[in-house]
Amino acid sequence: MLRSLMLLLPGTLMCGAAAQPNQDATGMIQTVCGPVAVSELGPTLTHEHVLVDFIGADKVSPDRYDPDEVFQVMLPYLRDVRAAGIKTLFECTPNYLGRDPALLRRLSQASGLNLVTNTGLYKDPFLPQWAKKLSAEQIAARWIAEATQGIGPERIKPGFIKIAANEGDLSDIQRKIMLAAAFTSRATGLAIASHTTQGRTALQQLDVLEQAGLPATGFVWVHADAEPDAALRYRAAERGAWLSYDGIREGNAAQKLNLVLDTLERFPRRLLISQDAGWYHVGEPRGGDVAPLDWLPSEFVPMLRAAGATQEQVDQLLIHNPARAFATRPLEG
């Protein structure tokens, strides 16, 4: 195992007290067990999933699965990725798609892995009816409340904003969601991570962010590696956005390796890598087939080194860039 990933085997993680509402969280990242200094984040995967339910916003419910079964199924995968050297994992399942912060806290405590949940919403058919009726400001108010007061009776706070965009030109509803995310980011300092598969859509999202008076440095373009046109990807990076190459799997490793190496040369301080792996799929027996979470640190990182990436570049991808991308930003005023 590479030097930077040689960490102690997981033990039990004790959840600390959440930050007080008036406590300065700048430079921190909120995990399901409380705030963590960016210097303590360690090797990080920024786009993974523990549980997802694709039944739709009108039918999704915690009653559709047994949290104890999910815990039993997913804990070994989380322990494996922790043993592979990863210390922090961003769980990117948004509300109305199976987000369960209380379950994530249990898994964090049992695995010794920092888990980060989110506020925000996905896209149709996973948008609740209230999101279609409310204004961007009203939607943002709900997300800001989650960020400042916590989610559910456990008051677990999110560490980022997770949204999505349609393909093609940005639709009216997804433009509103993007604007709500901008308002939330301004009020909380949380970064925005957006599931966006096409470059022109991502650039339009950056336009919305700019119109709201926020820098692109707070925007993570999730699935940027799905855009085949490198010029579009690099235009977003030039504007300051983060390129998240998070579809890296064993079956496409050679292709993704070239993408990562090229971007490392051009925009080394704007690149994130992850797998979009997991997950317990609600509705399938025992969650169906789970893609292992430890493949990237165990297999892809050695591929990077063999292809010429330095240890400093690996550390940039897995330690320094995630900390910079998701650190809570200073608030205006």
C-alpha atoms as a PDB file:
ATOM      1  CA  MET A   1       0.000   0.000   0.000  1.00  0.00           C
ATOM      2  CA  LEU A   2       1.259   3.461  -0.861  1.00  0.00           C
ATOM      3  CA  ARG A   3       2.833   5.517   1.908  1.00  0.00           C
ATOM      4  CA  SER A   4       0.077   8.163   1.983  1.00  0.00           C
ATOM      5  CA  LEU A   5      -2.601   5.492   2.286  1.00  0.00           C
ATOM      6  CA  MET A   6      -0.949   3.452   5.036  1.00  0.00           C
ATOM      7  CA  LEU A   7      -3.335   4.221   7.853  1.00  0.00           C
ATOM      8  CA  LEU A   8      -4.320   2.299  10.941  1.00  0.00           C
ATOM      9  CA  LEU A   9      -7.003  -0.311  10.583  1.00  0.00           C
ATOM     10  CA  PRO A  10     -10.442   0.980  11.557  1.00  0.00           C
ATOM     11  CA  GLY A  11     -11.623   0.918  15.112  1.00  0.00           C
ATOM     12  CA  THR A  12     -14.632   2.557  16.623  1.00  0.00           C
ATOM     13  CA  LEU A  13     -15.286   6.187  15.743  1.00  0.00           C
ATOM     14  CA  MET A  14     -16.786   8.254  18.520  1.00  0.00           C
ATOM     15  CA  CYS A  15     -19.160  10.914  17.278  1.00  0.00           C
ATOM     16  CA  GLY A  16     -18.296  14.270  18.735  1.00  0.00           C
ATOM     17  CA  ALA A  17     -20.682  17.074  19.589  1.00  0.00           C
ATOM     18  CA  ALA A  18     -21.937  19.079  16.658  1.00  0.00           C
ATOM     19  CA  ALA A  19     -20.662  22.607  16.210  1.00  0.00           C
ATOM     20  CA  GLN A  20     -22.730  25.278  17.923  1.00  0.00           C
ATOM     21  CA  PRO A  21     -24.737  27.547  15.618  1.00  0.00           C
ATOM     22  CA  ASN A  22     -22.464  30.518  16.297  1.00  0.00           C
ATOM     23  CA  GLN A  23     -19.207  28.551  16.029  1.00  0.00           C
ATOM     24  CA  ASP A  24     -16.989  29.493  13.112  1.00  0.00           C
ATOM     25  CA  ALA A  25     -16.921  26.446  10.809  1.00  0.00           C
ATOM     26  CA  THR A  26     -14.610  27.995   8.197  1.00  0.00           C
ATOM     27  CA  GLY A  27     -12.003  25.477   7.106  1.00  0.00           C
ATOM     28  CA  MET A  28     -13.982  22.588   8.615  1.00  0.00           C
ATOM     29  CA  ILE A  29     -15.946  19.789   6.976  1.00  0.00           C
ATOM     30  CA  GLN A  30     -19.128  18.614   8.652  1.00  0.00           C
ATOM     31  CA  THR A  31     -19.308  14.817   8.967  1.00  0.00           C
ATOM     32  CA  VAL A  32     -22.245  12.820  10.313  1.00  0.00           C
ATOM     33  CA  CYS A  33     -20.331  12.692  13.598  1.00  0.00           C
ATOM     34  CA  GLY A  34     -19.591  16.408  13.754  1.00  0.00           C
ATOM     35  CA  PRO A  35     -17.090  18.871  12.272  1.00  0.00           C
ATOM     36  CA  VAL A  36     -13.620  17.732  11.247  1.00  0.00           C
ATOM     37  CA  ALA A  37     -10.705  20.023  10.438  1.00  0.00           C
ATOM     38  CA  VAL A  38      -9.642  19.751   6.800  1.00  0.00           C
ATOM     39  CA  SER A  39      -6.171  18.777   8.013  1.00  0.00           C
ATOM     40  CA  GLU A  40      -7.750  15.668   9.565  1.00  0.00           C
ATOM     41  CA  LEU A  41      -9.754  14.627   6.499  1.00  0.00           C
ATOM     42  CA  GLY A  42      -7.050  12.337   5.145  1.00  0.00           C
ATOM     43  CA  PRO A  43      -7.368  10.279   1.930  1.00  0.00           C
ATOM     44  CA  THR A  44     -10.879  10.876   0.634  1.00  0.00           C
ATOM     45  CA  LEU A  45     -13.359   9.529  -1.904  1.00  0.00           C
ATOM     46  CA  THR A  46     -15.684  12.373  -2.849  1.00  0.00           C
ATOM     47  CA  HIS A  47     -18.484  10.550  -4.682  1.00  0.00           C
ATOM     48  CA  GLU A  48     -19.748   7.211  -3.357  1.00  0.00           C
ATOM     49  CA  HIS A  49     -23.057   5.765  -2.137  1.00  0.00           C
ATOM     50  CA  VAL A  50     -24.166   3.571   0.757  1.00  0.00           C
ATOM     51  CA  LEU A  51     -27.892   3.314  -0.042  1.00  0.00           C
ATOM     52  CA  VAL A  52     -30.039   4.483  -2.972  1.00  0.00           C
ATOM     53  CA  ASP A  53     -33.761   4.111  -3.671  1.00  0.00           C
ATOM     54  CA  PHE A  54     -34.906   4.893  -7.226  1.00  0.00           C
ATOM     55  CA  ILE A  55     -38.634   4.388  -6.565  1.00  0.00           C
ATOM     56  CA  GLY A  56     -39.382   8.094  -7.057  1.00  0.00           C
ATOM     57  CA  ALA A  57     -40.040  11.047  -4.768  1.00  0.00           C
ATOM     58  CA  ASP A  58     -43.741  10.261  -4.338  1.00  0.00           C
ATOM     59  CA  LYS A  59     -43.025   6.720  -3.052  1.00  0.00           C
ATOM     60  CA  VAL A  60     -39.627   6.879  -1.345  1.00  0.00           C
ATOM     61  CA  SER A  61     -39.735   6.107   2.381  1.00  0.00           C
ATOM     62  CA  PRO A  62     -37.507   4.703   5.151  1.00  0.00           C
ATOM     63  CA  ASP A  63     -40.208   2.048   5.550  1.00  0.00           C
ATOM     64  CA  ARG A  64     -39.088   0.482   2.258  1.00  0.00           C
ATOM     65  CA  TYR A  65     -35.940  -1.019   3.801  1.00  0.00           C
ATOM     66  CA  ASP A  66     -34.626  -2.482   7.037  1.00  0.00           C
ATOM     67  CA  PRO A  67     -31.797  -0.236   8.315  1.00  0.00           C
ATOM     68  CA  ASP A  68     -30.349  -3.112  10.313  1.00  0.00           C
ATOM     69  CA  GLU A  69     -30.036  -5.200   7.157  1.00  0.00           C
ATOM     70  CA  VAL A  70     -28.443  -2.285   5.274  1.00  0.00           C
ATOM     71  CA  PHE A  71     -26.019  -1.881   8.160  1.00  0.00           C
ATOM     72  CA  GLN A  72     -25.047  -5.565   8.034  1.00  0.00           C
ATOM     73  CA  VAL A  73     -24.664  -5.572   4.235  1.00  0.00           C
ATOM     74  CA  MET A  74     -22.698  -2.332   3.879  1.00  0.00           C
ATOM     75  CA  LEU A  75     -20.460  -2.360   6.949  1.00  0.00           C
ATOM     76  CA  PRO A  76     -17.935  -4.856   5.463  1.00  0.00           C
ATOM     77  CA  TYR A  77     -17.549  -2.675   2.358  1.00  0.00           C
ATOM     78  CA  LEU A  78     -16.903   0.417   4.487  1.00  0.00           C
ATOM     79  CA  ARG A  79     -14.413  -1.456   6.639  1.00  0.00           C
ATOM     80  CA  ASP A  80     -12.650  -2.654   3.493  1.00  0.00           C
ATOM     81  CA  VAL A  81     -12.249   0.852   2.094  1.00  0.00           C
ATOM     82  CA  ARG A  82     -11.045   2.094   5.476  1.00  0.00           C
ATOM     83  CA  ALA A  83      -8.496  -0.729   5.610  1.00  0.00           C
ATOM     84  CA  ALA A  84      -7.376   0.272   2.094  1.00  0.00           C
ATOM     85  CA  GLY A  85      -6.348   3.653   3.502  1.00  0.00           C
ATOM     86  CA  ILE A  86      -9.360   5.874   2.867  1.00  0.00           C
ATOM     87  CA  LYS A  87     -10.287   7.950   5.891  1.00  0.00           C
ATOM     88  CA  THR A  88     -13.253   9.993   4.601  1.00  0.00           C
ATOM     89  CA  LEU A  89     -16.090   9.196   2.199  1.00  0.00           C
ATOM     90  CA  PHE A  90     -18.675  11.604   0.816  1.00  0.00           C
ATOM     91  CA  GLU A  91     -22.053   9.846   0.591  1.00  0.00           C
ATOM     92  CA  CYS A  92     -23.799  11.532  -2.326  1.00  0.00           C
ATOM     93  CA  THR A  93     -27.363  10.192  -2.029  1.00  0.00           C
ATOM     94  CA  PRO A  94     -29.647  13.260  -1.795  1.00  0.00           C
ATOM     95  CA  ASN A  95     -32.976  13.629  -0.052  1.00  0.00           C
ATOM     96  CA  TYR A  96     -35.890  11.781  -1.734  1.00  0.00           C
ATOM     97  CA  LEU A  97     -33.413   9.306  -3.228  1.00  0.00           C
ATOM     98  CA  GLY A  98     -32.732   7.362  -0.031  1.00  0.00           C
ATOM     99  CA  ARG A  99     -30.637   9.721   2.115  1.00  0.00           C
ATOM    100  CA  ASP A 100     -30.378   8.327   5.657  1.00  0.00           C
ATOM    101  CA  PRO A 101     -28.005  10.341   7.874  1.00  0.00           C
ATOM    102  CA  ALA A 102     -28.838   8.349  11.019  1.00  0.00           C
ATOM    103  CA  LEU A 103     -27.838   5.097   9.297  1.00  0.00           C
ATOM    104  CA  LEU A 104     -24.655   6.771   8.045  1.00  0.00           C
ATOM    105  CA  ARG A 105     -23.780   7.800  11.590  1.00  0.00           C
ATOM    106  CA  ARG A 106     -24.127   4.186  12.792  1.00  0.00           C
ATOM    107  CA  LEU A 107     -21.920   2.996   9.934  1.00  0.00           C
ATOM    108  CA  SER A 108     -19.354   5.723  10.571  1.00  0.00           C
ATOM    109  CA  GLN A 109     -19.073   4.760  14.214  1.00  0.00           C
ATOM    110  CA  ALA A 110     -18.730   1.058  13.402  1.00  0.00           C
ATOM    111  CA  SER A 111     -16.274   1.415  10.500  1.00  0.00           C
ATOM    112  CA  GLY A 112     -14.011   4.195  11.761  1.00  0.00           C
ATOM    113  CA  LEU A 113     -14.640   6.019   8.475  1.00  0.00           C
ATOM    114  CA  ASN A 114     -15.630   9.691   8.310  1.00  0.00           C
ATOM    115  CA  LEU A 115     -18.917   9.854   6.379  1.00  0.00           C
ATOM    116  CA  VAL A 116     -20.298  13.101   4.983  1.00  0.00           C
ATOM    117  CA  THR A 117     -23.963  13.534   4.039  1.00  0.00           C
ATOM    118  CA  ASN A 118     -25.648  16.351   2.132  1.00  0.00           C
ATOM    119  CA  THR A 119     -28.552  18.719   1.772  1.00  0.00           C
ATOM    120  CA  GLY A 120     -30.179  19.391  -1.604  1.00  0.00           C
ATOM    121  CA  LEU A 121     -32.302  17.588  -4.194  1.00  0.00           C
ATOM    122  CA  TYR A 122     -31.806  15.523  -7.341  1.00  0.00           C
ATOM    123  CA  LYS A 123     -33.867  15.827 -10.562  1.00  0.00           C
ATOM    124  CA  ASP A 124     -37.160  14.523 -11.957  1.00  0.00           C
ATOM    125  CA  PRO A 125     -38.691  12.035 -11.191  1.00  0.00           C
ATOM    126  CA  PHE A 126     -36.945  12.356  -7.842  1.00  0.00           C
ATOM    127  CA  LEU A 127     -38.101  15.904  -7.047  1.00  0.00           C
ATOM    128  CA  PRO A 128     -40.925  16.303  -4.513  1.00  0.00           C
ATOM    129  CA  GLN A 129     -43.934  18.344  -5.556  1.00  0.00           C
ATOM    130  CA  TRP A 130     -43.109  21.097  -3.081  1.00  0.00           C
ATOM    131  CA  ALA A 131     -39.836  21.788  -4.901  1.00  0.00           C
ATOM    132  CA  LYS A 132     -41.751  22.470  -8.105  1.00  0.00           C
ATOM    133  CA  LYS A 133     -44.063  24.930  -6.382  1.00  0.00           C
ATOM    134  CA  LEU A 134     -41.656  26.851  -4.147  1.00  0.00           C
ATOM    135  CA  SER A 135     -39.300  29.606  -5.240  1.00  0.00           C
ATOM    136  CA  ALA A 136     -35.529  29.222  -5.230  1.00  0.00           C
ATOM    137  CA  GLU A 137     -35.391  31.331  -2.070  1.00  0.00           C
ATOM    138  CA  GLN A 138     -37.964  29.134  -0.323  1.00  0.00           C
ATOM    139  CA  ILE A 139     -36.138  25.942  -1.296  1.00  0.00           C
ATOM    140  CA  ALA A 140     -32.875  27.416  -0.080  1.00  0.00           C
ATOM    141  CA  ALA A 141     -34.483  28.253   3.264  1.00  0.00           C
ATOM    142  CA  ARG A 142     -35.191  24.536   3.802  1.00  0.00           C
ATOM    143  CA  TRP A 143     -31.633  23.570   2.940  1.00  0.00           C
ATOM    144  CA  ILE A 144     -30.151  26.311   5.093  1.00  0.00           C
ATOM    145  CA  ALA A 145     -32.247  25.039   8.011  1.00  0.00           C
ATOM    146  CA  GLU A 146     -30.787  21.544   7.526  1.00  0.00           C
ATOM    147  CA  ALA A 147     -27.267  22.955   7.373  1.00  0.00           C
ATOM    148  CA  THR A 148     -27.620  25.085  10.492  1.00  0.00           C
ATOM    149  CA  GLN A 149     -30.040  23.051  12.619  1.00  0.00           C
ATOM    150  CA  GLY A 150     -29.373  19.531  11.379  1.00  0.00           C
ATOM    151  CA  ILE A 151     -31.403  16.788   9.708  1.00  0.00           C
ATOM    152  CA  GLY A 152     -34.026  14.759  11.541  1.00  0.00           C
ATOM    153  CA  PRO A 153     -34.327  14.188  15.294  1.00  0.00           C
ATOM    154  CA  GLU A 154     -30.600  13.385  15.463  1.00  0.00           C
ATOM    155  CA  ARG A 155     -29.786  16.886  14.123  1.00  0.00           C
ATOM    156  CA  ILE A 156     -27.073  15.523  11.834  1.00  0.00           C
ATOM    157  CA  LYS A 157     -25.603  18.309   9.734  1.00  0.00           C
ATOM    158  CA  PRO A 158     -24.735  18.032   6.037  1.00  0.00           C
ATOM    159  CA  GLY A 159     -21.249  18.768   4.769  1.00  0.00           C
ATOM    160  CA  PHE A 160     -22.154  19.815   1.208  1.00  0.00           C
ATOM    161  CA  ILE A 161     -25.031  20.550  -1.176  1.00  0.00           C
ATOM    162  CA  LYS A 162     -25.932  17.801  -3.668  1.00  0.00           C
ATOM    163  CA  ILE A 163     -28.044  18.652  -6.727  1.00  0.00           C
ATOM    164  CA  ALA A 164     -28.384  17.452 -10.310  1.00  0.00           C
ATOM    165  CA  ALA A 165     -29.042  18.763 -13.798  1.00  0.00           C
ATOM    166  CA  ASN A 166     -30.884  17.462 -16.826  1.00  0.00           C
ATOM    167  CA  GLU A 167     -29.089  16.758 -20.084  1.00  0.00           C
ATOM    168  CA  GLY A 168     -28.995  19.517 -22.688  1.00  0.00           C
ATOM    169  CA  ASP A 169     -29.864  23.124 -21.957  1.00  0.00           C
ATOM    170  CA  LEU A 170     -30.611  23.720 -18.303  1.00  0.00           C
ATOM    171  CA  SER A 171     -34.356  23.316 -17.710  1.00  0.00           C
ATOM    172  CA  ASP A 172     -36.358  25.841 -15.727  1.00  0.00           C
ATOM    173  CA  ILE A 173     -36.763  23.571 -12.714  1.00  0.00           C
ATOM    174  CA  GLN A 174     -33.076  22.624 -12.607  1.00  0.00           C
ATOM    175  CA  ARG A 175     -32.095  26.268 -13.058  1.00  0.00           C
ATOM    176  CA  LYS A 176     -34.227  27.031 -10.001  1.00  0.00           C
ATOM    177  CA  ILE A 177     -32.554  24.199  -8.082  1.00  0.00           C
ATOM    178  CA  MET A 178     -29.149  25.564  -9.090  1.00  0.00           C
ATOM    179  CA  LEU A 179     -30.111  29.028  -7.890  1.00  0.00           C
ATOM    180  CA  ALA A 180     -31.372  27.595  -4.590  1.00  0.00           C
ATOM    181  CA  ALA A 181     -28.025  25.837  -4.178  1.00  0.00           C
ATOM    182  CA  ALA A 182     -26.227  29.140  -4.791  1.00  0.00           C
ATOM    183  CA  PHE A 183     -28.315  30.884  -2.129  1.00  0.00           C
ATOM    184  CA  THR A 184     -27.635  28.022   0.291  1.00  0.00           C
ATOM    185  CA  SER A 185     -23.915  28.075  -0.407  1.00  0.00           C
ATOM    186  CA  ARG A 186     -23.772  31.806   0.180  1.00  0.00           C
ATOM    187  CA  ALA A 187     -25.574  31.452   3.527  1.00  0.00           C
ATOM    188  CA  THR A 188     -23.689  28.374   4.797  1.00  0.00           C
ATOM    189  CA  GLY A 189     -20.318  28.244   3.047  1.00  0.00           C
ATOM    190  CA  LEU A 190     -21.060  24.713   1.792  1.00  0.00           C
ATOM    191  CA  ALA A 191     -19.752  23.574  -1.588  1.00  0.00           C
ATOM    192  CA  ILE A 192     -22.167  22.531  -4.349  1.00  0.00           C
ATOM    193  CA  ALA A 193     -21.747  19.111  -5.999  1.00  0.00           C
ATOM    194  CA  SER A 194     -23.924  18.662  -9.078  1.00  0.00           C
ATOM    195  CA  HIS A 195     -24.637  15.429 -10.974  1.00  0.00           C
ATOM    196  CA  THR A 196     -24.169  16.826 -14.501  1.00  0.00           C
ATOM    197  CA  THR A 197     -23.216  14.643 -17.447  1.00  0.00           C
ATOM    198  CA  GLN A 198     -22.892  17.222 -20.235  1.00  0.00           C
ATOM    199  CA  GLY A 199     -20.461  20.099 -20.544  1.00  0.00           C
ATOM    200  CA  ARG A 200     -22.815  22.714 -21.945  1.00  0.00           C
ATOM    201  CA  THR A 201     -25.162  22.102 -19.029  1.00  0.00           C
ATOM    202  CA  ALA A 202     -22.324  22.481 -16.531  1.00  0.00           C
ATOM    203  CA  LEU A 203     -21.240  25.758 -18.119  1.00  0.00           C
ATOM    204  CA  GLN A 204     -24.816  27.051 -17.875  1.00  0.00           C
ATOM    205  CA  GLN A 205     -24.825  26.111 -14.193  1.00  0.00           C
ATOM    206  CA  LEU A 206     -21.657  28.135 -13.738  1.00  0.00           C
ATOM    207  CA  ASP A 207     -23.430  31.068 -15.410  1.00  0.00           C
ATOM    208  CA  VAL A 208     -26.202  30.824 -12.802  1.00  0.00           C
ATOM    209  CA  LEU A 209     -23.606  30.731 -10.046  1.00  0.00           C
ATOM    210  CA  GLU A 210     -21.857  33.782 -11.484  1.00  0.00           C
ATOM    211  CA  GLN A 211     -25.141  35.673 -11.756  1.00  0.00           C
ATOM    212  CA  ALA A 212     -25.732  34.929  -8.077  1.00  0.00           C
ATOM    213  CA  GLY A 213     -22.362  36.492  -7.278  1.00  0.00           C
ATOM    214  CA  LEU A 214     -20.565  33.318  -6.233  1.00  0.00           C
ATOM    215  CA  PRO A 215     -17.215  32.021  -7.529  1.00  0.00           C
ATOM    216  CA  ALA A 216     -16.995  28.788  -9.490  1.00  0.00           C
ATOM    217  CA  THR A 217     -14.499  27.457  -6.942  1.00  0.00           C
ATOM    218  CA  GLY A 218     -17.445  26.336  -4.812  1.00  0.00           C
ATOM    219  CA  PHE A 219     -18.857  24.136  -7.605  1.00  0.00           C
ATOM    220  CA  VAL A 220     -17.985  20.463  -8.109  1.00  0.00           C
ATOM    221  CA  TRP A 221     -18.949  19.142 -11.537  1.00  0.00           C
ATOM    222  CA  VAL A 222     -19.909  15.563 -10.682  1.00  0.00           C
ATOM    223  CA  HIS A 223     -19.449  13.135 -13.598  1.00  0.00           C
ATOM    224  CA  ALA A 224     -17.282  15.565 -15.559  1.00  0.00           C
ATOM    225  CA  ASP A 225     -15.562  12.490 -16.985  1.00  0.00           C
ATOM    226  CA  ALA A 226     -18.818  11.622 -18.807  1.00  0.00           C
ATOM    227  CA  GLU A 227     -18.305  14.649 -21.085  1.00  0.00           C
ATOM    228  CA  PRO A 228     -16.233  13.460 -24.077  1.00  0.00           C
ATOM    229  CA  ASP A 229     -15.210  16.957 -25.171  1.00  0.00           C
ATOM    230  CA  ALA A 230     -12.078  17.887 -23.235  1.00  0.00           C
ATOM    231  CA  ALA A 231     -12.430  21.512 -24.315  1.00  0.00           C
ATOM    232  CA  LEU A 232     -15.734  21.821 -22.434  1.00  0.00           C
ATOM    233  CA  ARG A 233     -14.283  20.191 -19.327  1.00  0.00           C
ATOM    234  CA  TYR A 234     -11.277  22.470 -19.340  1.00  0.00           C
ATOM    235  CA  ARG A 235     -13.379  25.582 -19.923  1.00  0.00           C
ATOM    236  CA  ALA A 236     -15.137  24.792 -16.647  1.00  0.00           C
ATOM    237  CA  ALA A 237     -11.799  24.249 -14.895  1.00  0.00           C
ATOM    238  CA  GLU A 238     -10.478  27.536 -16.278  1.00  0.00           C
ATOM    239  CA  ARG A 239     -13.455  29.272 -14.685  1.00  0.00           C
ATOM    240  CA  GLY A 240     -12.509  27.706 -11.344  1.00  0.00           C
ATOM    241  CA  ALA A 241     -14.872  24.716 -11.126  1.00  0.00           C
ATOM    242  CA  TRP A 242     -13.799  21.337  -9.788  1.00  0.00           C
ATOM    243  CA  LEU A 243     -13.768  18.448 -12.274  1.00  0.00           C
ATOM    244  CA  SER A 244     -14.919  15.273 -10.559  1.00  0.00           C
ATOM    245  CA  TYR A 245     -13.887  12.176 -12.487  1.00  0.00           C
ATOM    246  CA  ASP A 246     -15.976   9.805 -10.433  1.00  0.00           C
ATOM    247  CA  GLY A 247     -16.988   7.046 -12.812  1.00  0.00           C
ATOM    248  CA  ILE A 248     -13.677   5.234 -12.409  1.00  0.00           C
ATOM    249  CA  ARG A 249     -14.290   1.490 -12.312  1.00  0.00           C
ATOM    250  CA  GLU A 250     -12.331  -1.646 -13.139  1.00  0.00           C
ATOM    251  CA  GLY A 251     -14.011  -2.009 -16.542  1.00  0.00           C
ATOM    252  CA  ASN A 252     -12.987   1.451 -17.782  1.00  0.00           C
ATOM    253  CA  ALA A 253      -9.756   1.917 -15.869  1.00  0.00           C
ATOM    254  CA  ALA A 254      -7.469   2.289 -18.902  1.00  0.00           C
ATOM    255  CA  GLN A 255      -9.616   5.028 -20.448  1.00  0.00           C
ATOM    256  CA  LYS A 256     -10.066   6.867 -17.153  1.00  0.00           C
ATOM    257  CA  LEU A 257      -6.357   6.595 -16.421  1.00  0.00           C
ATOM    258  CA  ASN A 258      -5.576   8.637 -19.522  1.00  0.00           C
ATOM    259  CA  LEU A 259      -8.198  11.242 -18.600  1.00  0.00           C
ATOM    260  CA  VAL A 260      -6.806  11.598 -15.089  1.00  0.00           C
ATOM    261  CA  LEU A 261      -3.190  11.851 -16.247  1.00  0.00           C
ATOM    262  CA  ASP A 262      -4.025  14.480 -18.870  1.00  0.00           C
ATOM    263  CA  THR A 263      -5.986  16.614 -16.407  1.00  0.00           C
ATOM    264  CA  LEU A 264      -3.284  16.207 -13.765  1.00  0.00           C
ATOM    265  CA  GLU A 265      -0.901  17.883 -16.182  1.00  0.00           C
ATOM    266  CA  ARG A 266      -3.289  20.700 -17.106  1.00  0.00           C
ATOM    267  CA  PHE A 267      -5.334  21.380 -13.959  1.00  0.00           C
ATOM    268  CA  PRO A 268      -3.784  19.496 -11.042  1.00  0.00           C
ATOM    269  CA  ARG A 269      -5.513  21.713  -8.445  1.00  0.00           C
ATOM    270  CA  ARG A 270      -8.997  21.356  -9.947  1.00  0.00           C
ATOM    271  CA  LEU A 271      -9.369  17.560 -10.139  1.00  0.00           C
ATOM    272  CA  LEU A 272     -11.135  15.021  -7.910  1.00  0.00           C
ATOM    273  CA  ILE A 273     -11.380  11.250  -8.438  1.00  0.00           C
ATOM    274  CA  SER A 274     -13.875   8.706  -7.145  1.00  0.00           C
ATOM    275  CA  GLN A 275     -15.904   5.671  -8.225  1.00  0.00           C
ATOM    276  CA  ASP A 276     -19.638   6.305  -7.726  1.00  0.00           C
ATOM    277  CA  ALA A 277     -19.582   2.816  -6.217  1.00  0.00           C
ATOM    278  CA  GLY A 278     -21.653   0.905  -3.663  1.00  0.00           C
ATOM    279  CA  TRP A 279     -24.572   0.570  -2.948  1.00  0.00           C
ATOM    280  CA  TYR A 280     -27.468  -1.097  -1.187  1.00  0.00           C
ATOM    281  CA  HIS A 281     -30.204  -0.839  -3.829  1.00  0.00           C
ATOM    282  CA  VAL A 282     -33.570  -0.624  -2.100  1.00  0.00           C
ATOM    283  CA  GLY A 283     -36.055  -3.028  -3.662  1.00  0.00           C
ATOM    284  CA  GLU A 284     -33.511  -5.723  -4.511  1.00  0.00           C
ATOM    285  CA  PRO A 285     -32.880  -8.756  -2.252  1.00  0.00           C
ATOM    286  CA  ARG A 286     -30.276  -7.706   0.338  1.00  0.00           C
ATOM    287  CA  GLY A 287     -29.540  -4.654  -1.750  1.00  0.00           C
ATOM    288  CA  GLY A 288     -28.511  -6.466  -4.922  1.00  0.00           C
ATOM    289  CA  ASP A 289     -24.940  -6.421  -6.250  1.00  0.00           C
ATOM    290  CA  VAL A 290     -22.717  -3.958  -4.391  1.00  0.00           C
ATOM    291  CA  ALA A 291     -19.665  -2.569  -6.209  1.00  0.00           C
ATOM    292  CA  PRO A 292     -16.702  -2.670  -3.794  1.00  0.00           C
ATOM    293  CA  LEU A 293     -15.616   0.702  -2.444  1.00  0.00           C
ATOM    294  CA  ASP A 294     -11.949  -0.216  -2.011  1.00  0.00           C
ATOM    295  CA  TRP A 295     -11.078  -0.793  -5.671  1.00  0.00           C
ATOM    296  CA  LEU A 296      -9.799   2.715  -6.401  1.00  0.00           C
ATOM    297  CA  PRO A 297      -7.273   2.975  -3.549  1.00  0.00           C
ATOM    298  CA  SER A 298      -6.219  -0.660  -3.903  1.00  0.00           C
ATOM    299  CA  GLU A 299      -6.005  -0.952  -7.696  1.00  0.00           C
ATOM    300  CA  PHE A 300      -6.328   2.381  -9.513  1.00  0.00           C
ATOM    301  CA  VAL A 301      -3.826   4.289  -7.383  1.00  0.00           C
ATOM    302  CA  PRO A 302      -1.067   1.743  -8.172  1.00  0.00           C
ATOM    303  CA  MET A 303      -2.030   2.101 -11.847  1.00  0.00           C
ATOM    304  CA  LEU A 304      -1.513   5.852 -11.567  1.00  0.00           C
ATOM    305  CA  ARG A 305       1.908   5.369 -10.001  1.00  0.00           C
ATOM    306  CA  ALA A 306       2.919   2.805 -12.632  1.00  0.00           C
ATOM    307  CA  ALA A 307       1.880   5.261 -15.359  1.00  0.00           C
ATOM    308  CA  GLY A 308       4.184   7.930 -13.953  1.00  0.00           C
ATOM    309  CA  ALA A 309       2.107   9.874 -11.430  1.00  0.00           C
ATOM    310  CA  THR A 310       4.198  10.955  -8.470  1.00  0.00           C
ATOM    311  CA  GLN A 311       3.283  10.353  -4.842  1.00  0.00           C
ATOM    312  CA  GLU A 312       2.769  14.115  -4.531  1.00  0.00           C
ATOM    313  CA  GLN A 313       0.204  13.990  -7.345  1.00  0.00           C
ATOM    314  CA  VAL A 314      -1.617  11.089  -5.699  1.00  0.00           C
ATOM    315  CA  ASP A 315      -1.712  13.037  -2.446  1.00  0.00           C
ATOM    316  CA  GLN A 316      -3.043  16.033  -4.377  1.00  0.00           C
ATOM    317  CA  LEU A 317      -5.914  13.955  -5.759  1.00  0.00           C
ATOM    318  CA  LEU A 318      -6.911  12.096  -2.610  1.00  0.00           C
ATOM    319  CA  ILE A 319      -5.943  14.430   0.239  1.00  0.00           C
ATOM    320  CA  HIS A 320      -5.337  18.059  -0.679  1.00  0.00           C
ATOM    321  CA  ASN A 321      -7.907  18.619  -3.443  1.00  0.00           C
ATOM    322  CA  PRO A 322     -10.886  17.129  -1.541  1.00  0.00           C
ATOM    323  CA  ALA A 323     -10.014  19.247   1.489  1.00  0.00           C
ATOM    324  CA  ARG A 324      -9.843  22.407  -0.631  1.00  0.00           C
ATOM    325  CA  ALA A 325     -12.970  21.596  -2.630  1.00  0.00           C
ATOM    326  CA  PHE A 326     -15.257  20.898   0.332  1.00  0.00           C
ATOM    327  CA  ALA A 327     -13.878  23.053   3.135  1.00  0.00           C
ATOM    328  CA  THR A 328     -16.566  25.366   4.476  1.00  0.00           C
ATOM    329  CA  ARG A 329     -15.992  28.799   2.994  1.00  0.00           C
ATOM    330  CA  PRO A 330     -16.083  32.150   4.794  1.00  0.00           C
ATOM    331  CA  LEU A 331     -19.528  33.734   4.745  1.00  0.00           C
ATOM    332  CA  GLU A 332     -20.204  37.106   3.179  1.00  0.00           C
ATOM    333  CA  GLY A 333     -20.169  40.075   5.508  1.00  0.00           C
END
